[in-house]
Amino acid sequence: MTATVATTAALALGDDALVLSHRLGEWVGHAPVLEEEVALANIALDLLGQARFLLSMVGDEDELAYLREERAFTNLQLVEQPNGDFAHTIARQLYFSTYQHLLYAQLAAAGGVFAPLAGKAVHEVAYHRDHAEQWTLRLGDGTDVSHERMRRACTALWRFTGELFQPVAGLDVDWAGLETAWLESVGDVLRRATLTLPEGPRSGAWSAGAGRQGLHTEPFGRMLAEMQHLHRSHPGASW
């Protein structure tokens, strides 16, 4: 694997972790119960740790996080979607953490430059996945209101899931096998939650792989402006 290819892959995975970490951090002070305040913050910190490791493979982690423009980010469009209500956050987490857990398991087994990170992070992500699954079951098989909120959330985010399985240069992954395992796992969780897999397309013609190409949805620009504001307002400051 060339250095350029490894850099491309590290940037993509690092951006996924960084952006989702920031989104989950937005729940601090707003989570529905105190226990979730801590759980979501811990998941965000795990993802931030992954992001720092991966971005450091590319260059200066702070410069990459705070000084790049929107088009220079190559994260999946799924992770940049706003938190919405709690069901929306859980659906996003179910889709992504299932994918990330399966992906890291393959990377850890394959060896190579990403194996050390993947071997450690796969244990963290197993908790993220279990957390999302348990809440999906609780909301989907709860009250009529929680069931409907979870159903709407799963449907709204479904169109962003196709991009998860667009091959990333530099990652030794069986993408077709990963997608099959993901569909089976997510489908099983939704069925146990008295929900069904959404029937709509999993990507639009305009959006397939778009996040990896630096094309993002409207909410990402606003999120990025907030995330980068302090650093850009005080360039060169030491804290």
C-alpha atoms as a PDB file:
ATOM      1  CA  MET A   1       0.000   0.000   0.000  1.00  0.00           C
ATOM      2  CA  THR A   2       1.409   3.424  -0.941  1.00  0.00           C
ATOM      3  CA  ALA A   3       1.546   6.278   1.565  1.00  0.00           C
ATOM      4  CA  THR A   4      -0.950   8.278  -0.502  1.00  0.00           C
ATOM      5  CA  VAL A   5      -3.515   5.470  -0.496  1.00  0.00           C
ATOM      6  CA  ALA A   6      -3.123   4.929   3.250  1.00  0.00           C
ATOM      7  CA  THR A   7      -3.547   8.661   3.812  1.00  0.00           C
ATOM      8  CA  THR A   8      -6.769   8.706   1.824  1.00  0.00           C
ATOM      9  CA  ALA A   9      -8.204   5.856   3.880  1.00  0.00           C
ATOM     10  CA  ALA A  10      -7.033   7.318   7.197  1.00  0.00           C
ATOM     11  CA  LEU A  11      -8.607  10.660   6.351  1.00  0.00           C
ATOM     12  CA  ALA A  12     -11.941   9.073   5.431  1.00  0.00           C
ATOM     13  CA  LEU A  13     -12.159   6.981   8.604  1.00  0.00           C
ATOM     14  CA  GLY A  14     -10.832   9.812  10.742  1.00  0.00           C
ATOM     15  CA  ASP A  15     -13.405  12.253   9.392  1.00  0.00           C
ATOM     16  CA  ASP A  16     -16.215   9.761  10.080  1.00  0.00           C
ATOM     17  CA  ALA A  17     -15.141   9.466  13.706  1.00  0.00           C
ATOM     18  CA  LEU A  18     -14.511  13.191  14.179  1.00  0.00           C
ATOM     19  CA  VAL A  19     -17.824  14.359  12.771  1.00  0.00           C
ATOM     20  CA  LEU A  20     -19.944  11.789  14.607  1.00  0.00           C
ATOM     21  CA  SER A  21     -18.062  12.550  17.818  1.00  0.00           C
ATOM     22  CA  HIS A  22     -19.031  16.205  17.482  1.00  0.00           C
ATOM     23  CA  ARG A  23     -22.661  15.366  16.744  1.00  0.00           C
ATOM     24  CA  LEU A  24     -22.911  13.128  19.811  1.00  0.00           C
ATOM     25  CA  GLY A  25     -21.196  15.793  21.911  1.00  0.00           C
ATOM     26  CA  GLU A  26     -24.081  18.125  21.095  1.00  0.00           C
ATOM     27  CA  TRP A  27     -26.256  15.966  23.385  1.00  0.00           C
ATOM     28  CA  VAL A  28     -24.261  16.956  26.483  1.00  0.00           C
ATOM     29  CA  GLY A  29     -26.678  18.905  28.664  1.00  0.00           C
ATOM     30  CA  HIS A  30     -29.645  17.834  26.542  1.00  0.00           C
ATOM     31  CA  ALA A  31     -29.891  14.032  26.867  1.00  0.00           C
ATOM     32  CA  PRO A  32     -33.275  12.648  28.014  1.00  0.00           C
ATOM     33  CA  VAL A  33     -31.880  10.979  31.164  1.00  0.00           C
ATOM     34  CA  LEU A  34     -28.677  11.421  33.177  1.00  0.00           C
ATOM     35  CA  GLU A  35     -27.345   7.968  32.305  1.00  0.00           C
ATOM     36  CA  GLU A  36     -27.551   8.780  28.592  1.00  0.00           C
ATOM     37  CA  GLU A  37     -25.712  12.040  29.186  1.00  0.00           C
ATOM     38  CA  VAL A  38     -22.720   9.960  30.279  1.00  0.00           C
ATOM     39  CA  ALA A  39     -23.172   7.153  27.725  1.00  0.00           C
ATOM     40  CA  LEU A  40     -23.326   9.442  24.691  1.00  0.00           C
ATOM     41  CA  ALA A  41     -20.388  11.503  25.968  1.00  0.00           C
ATOM     42  CA  ASN A  42     -18.315   8.333  26.418  1.00  0.00           C
ATOM     43  CA  ILE A  43     -19.130   7.148  22.898  1.00  0.00           C
ATOM     44  CA  ALA A  44     -18.183  10.594  21.581  1.00  0.00           C
ATOM     45  CA  LEU A  45     -14.843  10.418  23.430  1.00  0.00           C
ATOM     46  CA  ASP A  46     -14.121   6.949  22.019  1.00  0.00           C
ATOM     47  CA  LEU A  47     -14.743   8.266  18.509  1.00  0.00           C
ATOM     48  CA  LEU A  48     -12.618  11.335  19.149  1.00  0.00           C
ATOM     49  CA  GLY A  49      -9.736   9.104  20.213  1.00  0.00           C
ATOM     50  CA  GLN A  50     -10.069   7.151  16.971  1.00  0.00           C
ATOM     51  CA  ALA A  51     -10.193  10.384  14.981  1.00  0.00           C
ATOM     52  CA  ARG A  52      -7.033  11.733  16.593  1.00  0.00           C
ATOM     53  CA  PHE A  53      -5.099   8.538  15.828  1.00  0.00           C
ATOM     54  CA  LEU A  54      -6.265   8.435  12.222  1.00  0.00           C
ATOM     55  CA  LEU A  55      -5.813  12.137  11.482  1.00  0.00           C
ATOM     56  CA  SER A  56      -2.318  12.015  12.971  1.00  0.00           C
ATOM     57  CA  MET A  57      -1.484   9.483  10.259  1.00  0.00           C
ATOM     58  CA  VAL A  58      -2.249  12.212   7.728  1.00  0.00           C
ATOM     59  CA  GLY A  59      -0.807  15.359   9.329  1.00  0.00           C
ATOM     60  CA  ASP A  60      -1.446  17.756  12.200  1.00  0.00           C
ATOM     61  CA  GLU A  61      -4.723  16.680  13.804  1.00  0.00           C
ATOM     62  CA  ASP A  62      -5.762  20.196  14.893  1.00  0.00           C
ATOM     63  CA  GLU A  63      -5.115  21.731  11.501  1.00  0.00           C
ATOM     64  CA  LEU A  64      -7.040  18.940   9.803  1.00  0.00           C
ATOM     65  CA  ALA A  65      -9.995  19.299  12.174  1.00  0.00           C
ATOM     66  CA  TYR A  66     -10.205  23.067  12.387  1.00  0.00           C
ATOM     67  CA  LEU A  67      -8.664  24.609   9.273  1.00  0.00           C
ATOM     68  CA  ARG A  68      -9.999  22.544   6.380  1.00  0.00           C
ATOM     69  CA  GLU A  69     -12.915  23.785   4.310  1.00  0.00           C
ATOM     70  CA  GLU A  70     -16.100  21.753   3.926  1.00  0.00           C
ATOM     71  CA  ARG A  71     -15.166  20.197   0.583  1.00  0.00           C
ATOM     72  CA  ALA A  72     -11.907  18.842   2.056  1.00  0.00           C
ATOM     73  CA  PHE A  73     -13.767  16.568   4.496  1.00  0.00           C
ATOM     74  CA  THR A  74     -14.415  13.033   3.232  1.00  0.00           C
ATOM     75  CA  ASN A  75     -16.762  11.711   5.924  1.00  0.00           C
ATOM     76  CA  LEU A  76     -19.903   9.763   5.162  1.00  0.00           C
ATOM     77  CA  GLN A  77     -23.031  11.876   4.832  1.00  0.00           C
ATOM     78  CA  LEU A  78     -24.739   9.677   7.430  1.00  0.00           C
ATOM     79  CA  VAL A  79     -22.559  10.843  10.327  1.00  0.00           C
ATOM     80  CA  GLU A  80     -23.129  14.542   9.617  1.00  0.00           C
ATOM     81  CA  GLN A  81     -26.904  14.340   9.873  1.00  0.00           C
ATOM     82  CA  PRO A  82     -28.364  16.418  12.742  1.00  0.00           C
ATOM     83  CA  ASN A  83     -29.231  14.656  15.980  1.00  0.00           C
ATOM     84  CA  GLY A  84     -32.972  15.294  15.660  1.00  0.00           C
ATOM     85  CA  ASP A  85     -34.883  13.633  18.448  1.00  0.00           C
ATOM     86  CA  PHE A  86     -33.413  10.798  20.519  1.00  0.00           C
ATOM     87  CA  ALA A  87     -34.822   8.132  18.183  1.00  0.00           C
ATOM     88  CA  HIS A  88     -33.098   9.832  15.236  1.00  0.00           C
ATOM     89  CA  THR A  89     -29.758   9.760  17.059  1.00  0.00           C
ATOM     90  CA  ILE A  90     -30.205   6.086  17.939  1.00  0.00           C
ATOM     91  CA  ALA A  91     -31.090   5.123  14.356  1.00  0.00           C
ATOM     92  CA  ARG A  92     -28.008   6.926  13.065  1.00  0.00           C
ATOM     93  CA  GLN A  93     -25.916   5.191  15.710  1.00  0.00           C
ATOM     94  CA  LEU A  94     -27.381   1.774  14.905  1.00  0.00           C
ATOM     95  CA  TYR A  95     -26.596   2.126  11.215  1.00  0.00           C
ATOM     96  CA  PHE A  96     -23.081   3.498  11.723  1.00  0.00           C
ATOM     97  CA  SER A  97     -21.850   1.479  14.712  1.00  0.00           C
ATOM     98  CA  THR A  98     -22.966  -1.796  13.108  1.00  0.00           C
ATOM     99  CA  TYR A  99     -21.022  -0.840   9.988  1.00  0.00           C
ATOM    100  CA  GLN A 100     -17.979   0.346  11.948  1.00  0.00           C
ATOM    101  CA  HIS A 101     -17.875  -2.764  14.128  1.00  0.00           C
ATOM    102  CA  LEU A 102     -17.962  -5.071  11.102  1.00  0.00           C
ATOM    103  CA  LEU A 103     -15.412  -2.917   9.266  1.00  0.00           C
ATOM    104  CA  TYR A 104     -12.928  -2.805  12.146  1.00  0.00           C
ATOM    105  CA  ALA A 105     -13.244  -6.562  12.654  1.00  0.00           C
ATOM    106  CA  GLN A 106     -12.138  -7.076   9.045  1.00  0.00           C
ATOM    107  CA  LEU A 107      -9.314  -4.530   9.309  1.00  0.00           C
ATOM    108  CA  ALA A 108      -8.023  -6.060  12.540  1.00  0.00           C
ATOM    109  CA  ALA A 109      -7.935  -9.520  10.954  1.00  0.00           C
ATOM    110  CA  ALA A 110      -6.304  -8.332   7.734  1.00  0.00           C
ATOM    111  CA  GLY A 111      -3.163  -6.870   9.314  1.00  0.00           C
ATOM    112  CA  GLY A 112      -1.637  -3.788   7.736  1.00  0.00           C
ATOM    113  CA  VAL A 113      -1.358  -0.202   8.935  1.00  0.00           C
ATOM    114  CA  PHE A 114      -4.905  -0.022  10.324  1.00  0.00           C
ATOM    115  CA  ALA A 115      -4.807  -3.301  12.267  1.00  0.00           C
ATOM    116  CA  PRO A 116      -3.459  -1.844  15.553  1.00  0.00           C
ATOM    117  CA  LEU A 117      -6.206   0.790  15.732  1.00  0.00           C
ATOM    118  CA  ALA A 118      -8.913  -1.591  14.559  1.00  0.00           C
ATOM    119  CA  GLY A 119      -7.887  -4.290  17.023  1.00  0.00           C
ATOM    120  CA  LYS A 120      -8.315  -1.868  19.926  1.00  0.00           C
ATOM    121  CA  ALA A 121     -11.288   0.099  18.629  1.00  0.00           C
ATOM    122  CA  VAL A 122     -13.366  -2.957  17.735  1.00  0.00           C
ATOM    123  CA  HIS A 123     -13.937  -3.533  21.463  1.00  0.00           C
ATOM    124  CA  GLU A 124     -15.078   0.064  21.976  1.00  0.00           C
ATOM    125  CA  VAL A 125     -17.346  -0.070  18.962  1.00  0.00           C
ATOM    126  CA  ALA A 126     -18.898  -3.337  20.187  1.00  0.00           C
ATOM    127  CA  TYR A 127     -20.251  -1.319  23.115  1.00  0.00           C
ATOM    128  CA  HIS A 128     -21.463   1.460  20.785  1.00  0.00           C
ATOM    129  CA  ARG A 129     -23.281  -1.139  18.724  1.00  0.00           C
ATOM    130  CA  ASP A 130     -24.861  -2.837  21.745  1.00  0.00           C
ATOM    131  CA  HIS A 131     -25.967   0.533  23.142  1.00  0.00           C
ATOM    132  CA  ALA A 132     -27.695   1.411  19.864  1.00  0.00           C
ATOM    133  CA  GLU A 133     -29.288  -2.031  19.568  1.00  0.00           C
ATOM    134  CA  GLN A 134     -30.684  -1.965  23.110  1.00  0.00           C
ATOM    135  CA  TRP A 135     -32.205   1.462  22.614  1.00  0.00           C
ATOM    136  CA  THR A 136     -33.650   0.450  19.244  1.00  0.00           C
ATOM    137  CA  LEU A 137     -35.378  -2.487  20.926  1.00  0.00           C
ATOM    138  CA  ARG A 138     -36.581  -0.303  23.776  1.00  0.00           C
ATOM    139  CA  LEU A 139     -38.001   2.411  21.537  1.00  0.00           C
ATOM    140  CA  GLY A 140     -39.305   0.201  18.741  1.00  0.00           C
ATOM    141  CA  ASP A 141     -41.073  -2.205  21.082  1.00  0.00           C
ATOM    142  CA  GLY A 142     -42.124   0.466  23.582  1.00  0.00           C
ATOM    143  CA  THR A 143     -45.081   2.798  23.392  1.00  0.00           C
ATOM    144  CA  ASP A 144     -46.984   3.686  20.231  1.00  0.00           C
ATOM    145  CA  VAL A 145     -45.245   7.066  20.245  1.00  0.00           C
ATOM    146  CA  SER A 146     -41.719   5.680  20.670  1.00  0.00           C
ATOM    147  CA  HIS A 147     -42.385   3.029  18.000  1.00  0.00           C
ATOM    148  CA  GLU A 148     -43.512   5.648  15.487  1.00  0.00           C
ATOM    149  CA  ARG A 149     -40.563   7.924  16.245  1.00  0.00           C
ATOM    150  CA  MET A 150     -38.130   5.056  15.749  1.00  0.00           C
ATOM    151  CA  ARG A 151     -39.829   3.992  12.535  1.00  0.00           C
ATOM    152  CA  ARG A 152     -39.655   7.519  11.128  1.00  0.00           C
ATOM    153  CA  ALA A 153     -36.010   7.886  12.120  1.00  0.00           C
ATOM    154  CA  CYS A 154     -34.958   4.622  10.473  1.00  0.00           C
ATOM    155  CA  THR A 155     -36.773   5.591   7.293  1.00  0.00           C
ATOM    156  CA  ALA A 156     -35.376   9.138   7.178  1.00  0.00           C
ATOM    157  CA  LEU A 157     -31.767   7.980   7.461  1.00  0.00           C
ATOM    158  CA  TRP A 158     -32.054   4.931   5.213  1.00  0.00           C
ATOM    159  CA  ARG A 159     -31.079   6.822   2.059  1.00  0.00           C
ATOM    160  CA  PHE A 160     -27.650   7.569   3.535  1.00  0.00           C
ATOM    161  CA  THR A 161     -26.748   3.919   4.182  1.00  0.00           C
ATOM    162  CA  GLY A 162     -25.761   2.934   0.655  1.00  0.00           C
ATOM    163  CA  GLU A 163     -22.652   5.100   0.879  1.00  0.00           C
ATOM    164  CA  LEU A 164     -21.333   2.982   3.760  1.00  0.00           C
ATOM    165  CA  PHE A 165     -20.300   0.285   1.305  1.00  0.00           C
ATOM    166  CA  GLN A 166     -18.658   2.382  -1.398  1.00  0.00           C
ATOM    167  CA  PRO A 167     -15.072   1.031  -1.521  1.00  0.00           C
ATOM    168  CA  VAL A 168     -12.379   3.203   0.033  1.00  0.00           C
ATOM    169  CA  ALA A 169      -8.927   2.980  -1.531  1.00  0.00           C
ATOM    170  CA  GLY A 170      -6.411   1.587   0.913  1.00  0.00           C
ATOM    171  CA  LEU A 171      -8.806  -0.554   2.937  1.00  0.00           C
ATOM    172  CA  ASP A 172      -8.478  -4.326   2.499  1.00  0.00           C
ATOM    173  CA  VAL A 173     -12.172  -5.081   2.966  1.00  0.00           C
ATOM    174  CA  ASP A 174     -14.729  -7.448   1.459  1.00  0.00           C
ATOM    175  CA  TRP A 175     -17.283  -4.708   0.806  1.00  0.00           C
ATOM    176  CA  ALA A 176     -19.980  -7.025  -0.557  1.00  0.00           C
ATOM    177  CA  GLY A 177     -19.627  -9.333   2.441  1.00  0.00           C
ATOM    178  CA  LEU A 178     -19.664  -6.348   4.782  1.00  0.00           C
ATOM    179  CA  GLU A 179     -22.888  -5.079   3.252  1.00  0.00           C
ATOM    180  CA  THR A 180     -24.557  -8.494   3.487  1.00  0.00           C
ATOM    181  CA  ALA A 181     -23.589  -8.866   7.153  1.00  0.00           C
ATOM    182  CA  TRP A 182     -24.773  -5.318   7.880  1.00  0.00           C
ATOM    183  CA  LEU A 183     -28.171  -5.879   6.281  1.00  0.00           C
ATOM    184  CA  GLU A 184     -28.622  -9.134   8.178  1.00  0.00           C
ATOM    185  CA  SER A 185     -27.656  -7.586  11.510  1.00  0.00           C
ATOM    186  CA  VAL A 186     -29.672  -4.391  11.174  1.00  0.00           C
ATOM    187  CA  GLY A 187     -32.643  -6.326   9.811  1.00  0.00           C
ATOM    188  CA  ASP A 188     -32.552  -8.697  12.776  1.00  0.00           C
ATOM    189  CA  VAL A 189     -32.450  -5.834  15.294  1.00  0.00           C
ATOM    190  CA  LEU A 190     -35.319  -4.020  13.608  1.00  0.00           C
ATOM    191  CA  ARG A 191     -37.439  -7.163  13.464  1.00  0.00           C
ATOM    192  CA  ARG A 192     -36.898  -7.770  17.185  1.00  0.00           C
ATOM    193  CA  ALA A 193     -37.892  -4.152  17.759  1.00  0.00           C
ATOM    194  CA  THR A 194     -41.181  -4.788  15.854  1.00  0.00           C
ATOM    195  CA  LEU A 195     -39.885  -2.625  13.014  1.00  0.00           C
ATOM    196  CA  THR A 196     -39.022  -3.465   9.412  1.00  0.00           C
ATOM    197  CA  LEU A 197     -36.207  -2.526   7.075  1.00  0.00           C
ATOM    198  CA  PRO A 198     -37.216   0.637   5.187  1.00  0.00           C
ATOM    199  CA  GLU A 199     -38.248   0.016   1.607  1.00  0.00           C
ATOM    200  CA  GLY A 200     -36.836   3.142  -0.034  1.00  0.00           C
ATOM    201  CA  PRO A 201     -33.568   3.424  -1.969  1.00  0.00           C
ATOM    202  CA  ARG A 202     -30.386   3.454   0.099  1.00  0.00           C
ATOM    203  CA  SER A 203     -28.859   6.281  -1.924  1.00  0.00           C
ATOM    204  CA  GLY A 204     -29.856   8.726  -4.600  1.00  0.00           C
ATOM    205  CA  ALA A 205     -28.011   8.974  -7.894  1.00  0.00           C
ATOM    206  CA  TRP A 206     -26.560  12.317  -6.779  1.00  0.00           C
ATOM    207  CA  SER A 207     -25.444  11.149  -3.350  1.00  0.00           C
ATOM    208  CA  ALA A 208     -23.883   7.713  -3.872  1.00  0.00           C
ATOM    209  CA  GLY A 209     -20.419   8.055  -2.383  1.00  0.00           C
ATOM    210  CA  ALA A 210     -20.807  11.833  -2.287  1.00  0.00           C
ATOM    211  CA  GLY A 211     -19.461  12.359   1.213  1.00  0.00           C
ATOM    212  CA  ARG A 212     -16.252  10.540   0.320  1.00  0.00           C
ATOM    213  CA  GLN A 213     -15.920  12.963  -2.619  1.00  0.00           C
ATOM    214  CA  GLY A 214     -16.287  16.014  -0.379  1.00  0.00           C
ATOM    215  CA  LEU A 215     -19.941  16.674  -1.223  1.00  0.00           C
ATOM    216  CA  HIS A 216     -22.001  17.189   1.906  1.00  0.00           C
ATOM    217  CA  THR A 217     -25.532  17.928   3.007  1.00  0.00           C
ATOM    218  CA  GLU A 218     -26.601  21.404   4.103  1.00  0.00           C
ATOM    219  CA  PRO A 219     -26.461  20.773   7.900  1.00  0.00           C
ATOM    220  CA  PHE A 220     -22.764  19.890   7.703  1.00  0.00           C
ATOM    221  CA  GLY A 221     -21.698  23.428   6.830  1.00  0.00           C
ATOM    222  CA  ARG A 222     -23.445  24.832   9.894  1.00  0.00           C
ATOM    223  CA  MET A 223     -21.978  22.122  12.135  1.00  0.00           C
ATOM    224  CA  LEU A 224     -18.482  22.739  10.775  1.00  0.00           C
ATOM    225  CA  ALA A 225     -18.741  26.506  11.338  1.00  0.00           C
ATOM    226  CA  GLU A 226     -19.620  25.905  14.980  1.00  0.00           C
ATOM    227  CA  MET A 227     -16.925  23.271  15.469  1.00  0.00           C
ATOM    228  CA  GLN A 228     -14.178  25.448  13.970  1.00  0.00           C
ATOM    229  CA  HIS A 229     -15.255  28.847  15.317  1.00  0.00           C
ATOM    230  CA  LEU A 230     -13.043  29.066  18.434  1.00  0.00           C
ATOM    231  CA  HIS A 231      -9.884  27.814  16.747  1.00  0.00           C
ATOM    232  CA  ARG A 232     -10.309  30.150  13.785  1.00  0.00           C
ATOM    233  CA  SER A 233     -11.159  33.103  16.033  1.00  0.00           C
ATOM    234  CA  HIS A 234      -7.856  32.763  17.933  1.00  0.00           C
ATOM    235  CA  PRO A 235      -5.281  31.492  15.429  1.00  0.00           C
ATOM    236  CA  GLY A 236      -2.034  30.341  16.983  1.00  0.00           C
ATOM    237  CA  ALA A 237      -3.338  30.594  20.540  1.00  0.00           C
ATOM    238  CA  SER A 238      -1.968  28.235  23.199  1.00  0.00           C
ATOM    239  CA  TRP A 239      -4.346  26.762  25.751  1.00  0.00           C
END
